[in-house]
Amino acid sequence: MYPSLMSSFFAPPTIIVVSEERLQKAEIEQKQRQLEQLDERIAQLENYRGELAVELERLDQPQSLEEALTGE
């Protein structure tokens, strides 16, 4: 009834043999990508932190009554 589904389900697993050097190279490349992604995320968070600090500083400054009422 479902020959392709059954044959793919019971098919023997594919085994790939990789040399130790290629495995180590792949691990190094993966860790470098992770490090780059972390650096990008850290830069984004630092930028966001700076924006929040500026906004907080602006909000902490005393306002005149007119500014407070108009929201400017």
N, C-alpha and C. Protein backbone atom coordinates (compact mmCIF):
# COMPACT_ATOMS: atom_id res chain seq x y z
N MET A 1 0.80 -1.18 0.00
CA MET A 1 0.00 0.00 0.00
C MET A 1 0.86 1.26 0.00
N TYR A 2 1.84 1.32 0.89
CA TYR A 2 2.77 2.45 0.95
C TYR A 2 4.21 1.93 0.79
N PRO A 3 4.57 1.48 -0.37
CA PRO A 3 5.89 0.88 -0.50
C PRO A 3 7.04 1.86 -0.28
N SER A 4 6.89 3.09 -0.74
CA SER A 4 8.01 4.02 -0.57
C SER A 4 8.19 4.41 0.89
N LEU A 5 7.08 4.58 1.61
CA LEU A 5 7.17 4.91 3.03
C LEU A 5 7.79 3.77 3.82
N MET A 6 7.34 2.58 3.55
CA MET A 6 7.85 1.42 4.27
C MET A 6 9.31 1.14 3.92
N SER A 7 9.66 1.28 2.66
CA SER A 7 11.04 0.99 2.29
C SER A 7 11.99 2.05 2.86
N SER A 8 11.55 3.30 2.94
CA SER A 8 12.43 4.32 3.51
C SER A 8 12.50 4.19 5.02
N PHE A 9 11.44 3.70 5.63
CA PHE A 9 11.41 3.54 7.08
C PHE A 9 12.33 2.40 7.52
N PHE A 10 12.33 1.32 6.77
CA PHE A 10 13.12 0.16 7.14
C PHE A 10 14.45 0.08 6.41
N ALA A 11 14.80 1.12 5.68
CA ALA A 11 16.08 1.12 4.96
C ALA A 11 17.23 1.15 5.97
N PRO A 12 18.33 0.52 5.63
CA PRO A 12 19.48 0.55 6.55
C PRO A 12 20.02 1.97 6.68
N PRO A 13 20.53 2.32 7.84
CA PRO A 13 21.05 3.68 8.04
C PRO A 13 22.28 3.92 7.18
N THR A 14 22.46 5.17 6.80
CA THR A 14 23.63 5.55 6.02
C THR A 14 24.76 5.88 7.00
N ILE A 15 25.90 5.28 6.77
CA ILE A 15 27.05 5.50 7.63
C ILE A 15 28.10 6.25 6.82
N ILE A 16 28.56 7.36 7.36
CA ILE A 16 29.57 8.17 6.68
C ILE A 16 30.84 8.12 7.52
N VAL A 17 31.93 7.73 6.89
CA VAL A 17 33.21 7.66 7.58
C VAL A 17 33.97 8.94 7.28
N VAL A 18 34.42 9.61 8.35
CA VAL A 18 35.13 10.88 8.20
C VAL A 18 36.45 10.78 8.94
N SER A 19 37.49 11.35 8.35
CA SER A 19 38.79 11.30 9.01
C SER A 19 38.78 12.21 10.23
N GLU A 20 39.67 11.95 11.13
CA GLU A 20 39.77 12.74 12.36
C GLU A 20 40.07 14.21 12.05
N GLU A 21 40.90 14.44 11.04
CA GLU A 21 41.25 15.81 10.65
C GLU A 21 40.03 16.57 10.13
N ARG A 22 39.23 15.91 9.30
CA ARG A 22 38.03 16.57 8.76
C ARG A 22 37.01 16.84 9.86
N LEU A 23 36.89 15.91 10.79
CA LEU A 23 35.98 16.09 11.92
C LEU A 23 36.44 17.27 12.78
N GLN A 24 37.72 17.33 13.05
CA GLN A 24 38.27 18.42 13.85
C GLN A 24 38.09 19.76 13.13
N LYS A 25 38.31 19.78 11.82
CA LYS A 25 38.14 21.00 11.04
C LYS A 25 36.68 21.46 11.08
N ALA A 26 35.74 20.53 10.97
CA ALA A 26 34.32 20.86 11.02
C ALA A 26 33.95 21.40 12.40
N GLU A 27 34.51 20.82 13.45
CA GLU A 27 34.22 21.31 14.80
C GLU A 27 34.76 22.72 14.99
N ILE A 28 35.96 22.98 14.48
CA ILE A 28 36.56 24.32 14.59
C ILE A 28 35.71 25.34 13.83
N GLU A 29 35.28 24.98 12.63
CA GLU A 29 34.45 25.90 11.84
C GLU A 29 33.13 26.18 12.55
N GLN A 30 32.53 25.16 13.15
CA GLN A 30 31.27 25.35 13.87
C GLN A 30 31.47 26.27 15.07
N LYS A 31 32.54 26.07 15.82
CA LYS A 31 32.80 26.91 16.98
C LYS A 31 33.11 28.35 16.56
N GLN A 32 33.79 28.53 15.40
CA GLN A 32 34.04 29.88 14.91
C GLN A 32 32.73 30.58 14.53
N ARG A 33 31.82 29.84 13.90
CA ARG A 33 30.51 30.41 13.55
C ARG A 33 29.74 30.79 14.82
N GLN A 34 29.79 29.92 15.82
CA GLN A 34 29.11 30.22 17.07
C GLN A 34 29.69 31.47 17.73
N LEU A 35 31.02 31.59 17.69
CA LEU A 35 31.69 32.74 18.28
C LEU A 35 31.29 34.02 17.54
N GLU A 36 31.23 33.97 16.22
CA GLU A 36 30.82 35.13 15.43
C GLU A 36 29.37 35.52 15.75
N GLN A 37 28.51 34.52 15.89
CA GLN A 37 27.11 34.80 16.22
C GLN A 37 26.99 35.42 17.61
N LEU A 38 27.79 34.92 18.56
CA LEU A 38 27.78 35.49 19.90
C LEU A 38 28.28 36.93 19.88
N ASP A 39 29.34 37.19 19.11
CA ASP A 39 29.86 38.56 19.01
C ASP A 39 28.81 39.49 18.43
N GLU A 40 28.08 39.03 17.41
CA GLU A 40 27.01 39.85 16.83
C GLU A 40 25.92 40.12 17.85
N ARG A 41 25.55 39.11 18.60
CA ARG A 41 24.49 39.27 19.61
C ARG A 41 24.94 40.21 20.72
N ILE A 42 26.20 40.09 21.13
CA ILE A 42 26.74 40.98 22.16
C ILE A 42 26.71 42.42 21.67
N ALA A 43 27.09 42.64 20.42
CA ALA A 43 27.06 44.00 19.85
C ALA A 43 25.64 44.54 19.83
N GLN A 44 24.68 43.70 19.47
CA GLN A 44 23.28 44.13 19.47
C GLN A 44 22.82 44.50 20.88
N LEU A 45 23.17 43.67 21.84
CA LEU A 45 22.77 43.93 23.22
C LEU A 45 23.44 45.18 23.77
N GLU A 46 24.72 45.40 23.44
CA GLU A 46 25.41 46.61 23.89
C GLU A 46 24.76 47.85 23.29
N ASN A 47 24.38 47.76 22.01
CA ASN A 47 23.72 48.88 21.35
C ASN A 47 22.38 49.16 22.03
N TYR A 48 21.62 48.13 22.29
CA TYR A 48 20.32 48.29 22.96
C TYR A 48 20.49 48.86 24.36
N ARG A 49 21.52 48.41 25.06
CA ARG A 49 21.80 48.91 26.41
C ARG A 49 22.11 50.39 26.36
N GLY A 50 22.90 50.81 25.38
CA GLY A 50 23.22 52.22 25.23
C GLY A 50 21.98 53.05 24.95
N GLU A 51 21.10 52.55 24.10
CA GLU A 51 19.85 53.26 23.80
C GLU A 51 19.00 53.40 25.05
N LEU A 52 18.91 52.34 25.84
CA LEU A 52 18.13 52.39 27.08
C LEU A 52 18.74 53.38 28.08
N ALA A 53 20.06 53.40 28.16
CA ALA A 53 20.72 54.31 29.09
C ALA A 53 20.44 55.76 28.69
N VAL A 54 20.48 56.06 27.40
CA VAL A 54 20.19 57.41 26.93
C VAL A 54 18.74 57.77 27.23
N GLU A 55 17.84 56.83 26.97
CA GLU A 55 16.42 57.08 27.23
C GLU A 55 16.17 57.29 28.72
N LEU A 56 16.80 56.48 29.55
CA LEU A 56 16.65 56.62 31.00
C LEU A 56 17.19 57.96 31.47
N GLU A 57 18.34 58.34 30.95
CA GLU A 57 18.93 59.63 31.31
C GLU A 57 18.00 60.77 30.91
N ARG A 58 17.42 60.67 29.75
CA ARG A 58 16.50 61.69 29.26
C ARG A 58 15.25 61.75 30.14
N LEU A 59 14.77 60.59 30.58
CA LEU A 59 13.58 60.55 31.42
C LEU A 59 13.86 61.05 32.83
N ASP A 60 15.10 60.90 33.30
CA ASP A 60 15.46 61.34 34.64
C ASP A 60 15.65 62.85 34.73
N GLN A 61 15.86 63.53 33.62
CA GLN A 61 16.07 64.97 33.64
C GLN A 61 14.78 65.68 34.06
N PRO A 62 14.90 66.67 34.92
CA PRO A 62 13.71 67.37 35.34
C PRO A 62 13.07 68.12 34.18
N GLN A 63 11.76 68.14 34.15
CA GLN A 63 11.02 68.80 33.09
C GLN A 63 10.29 70.00 33.68
N SER A 64 10.08 70.97 32.82
CA SER A 64 9.25 72.09 33.26
C SER A 64 7.81 71.60 33.29
N LEU A 65 6.94 72.32 33.93
CA LEU A 65 5.56 71.96 34.03
C LEU A 65 4.92 71.89 32.63
N GLU A 66 5.30 72.82 31.78
CA GLU A 66 4.74 72.85 30.42
C GLU A 66 5.17 71.60 29.62
N GLU A 67 6.45 71.24 29.74
CA GLU A 67 6.95 70.04 29.04
C GLU A 67 6.25 68.79 29.57
N ALA A 68 6.05 68.72 30.88
CA ALA A 68 5.42 67.56 31.48
C ALA A 68 3.97 67.44 31.02
N LEU A 69 3.28 68.56 30.89
CA LEU A 69 1.88 68.52 30.48
C LEU A 69 1.71 68.23 29.00
N THR A 70 2.62 68.74 28.16
CA THR A 70 2.50 68.53 26.72
C THR A 70 3.18 67.26 26.26
N GLY A 71 4.06 66.70 27.08
CA GLY A 71 4.74 65.46 26.72
C GLY A 71 5.89 65.68 25.76
N GLU A 72 6.39 66.88 25.67
CA GLU A 72 7.52 67.18 24.76
C GLU A 72 8.83 67.11 25.49
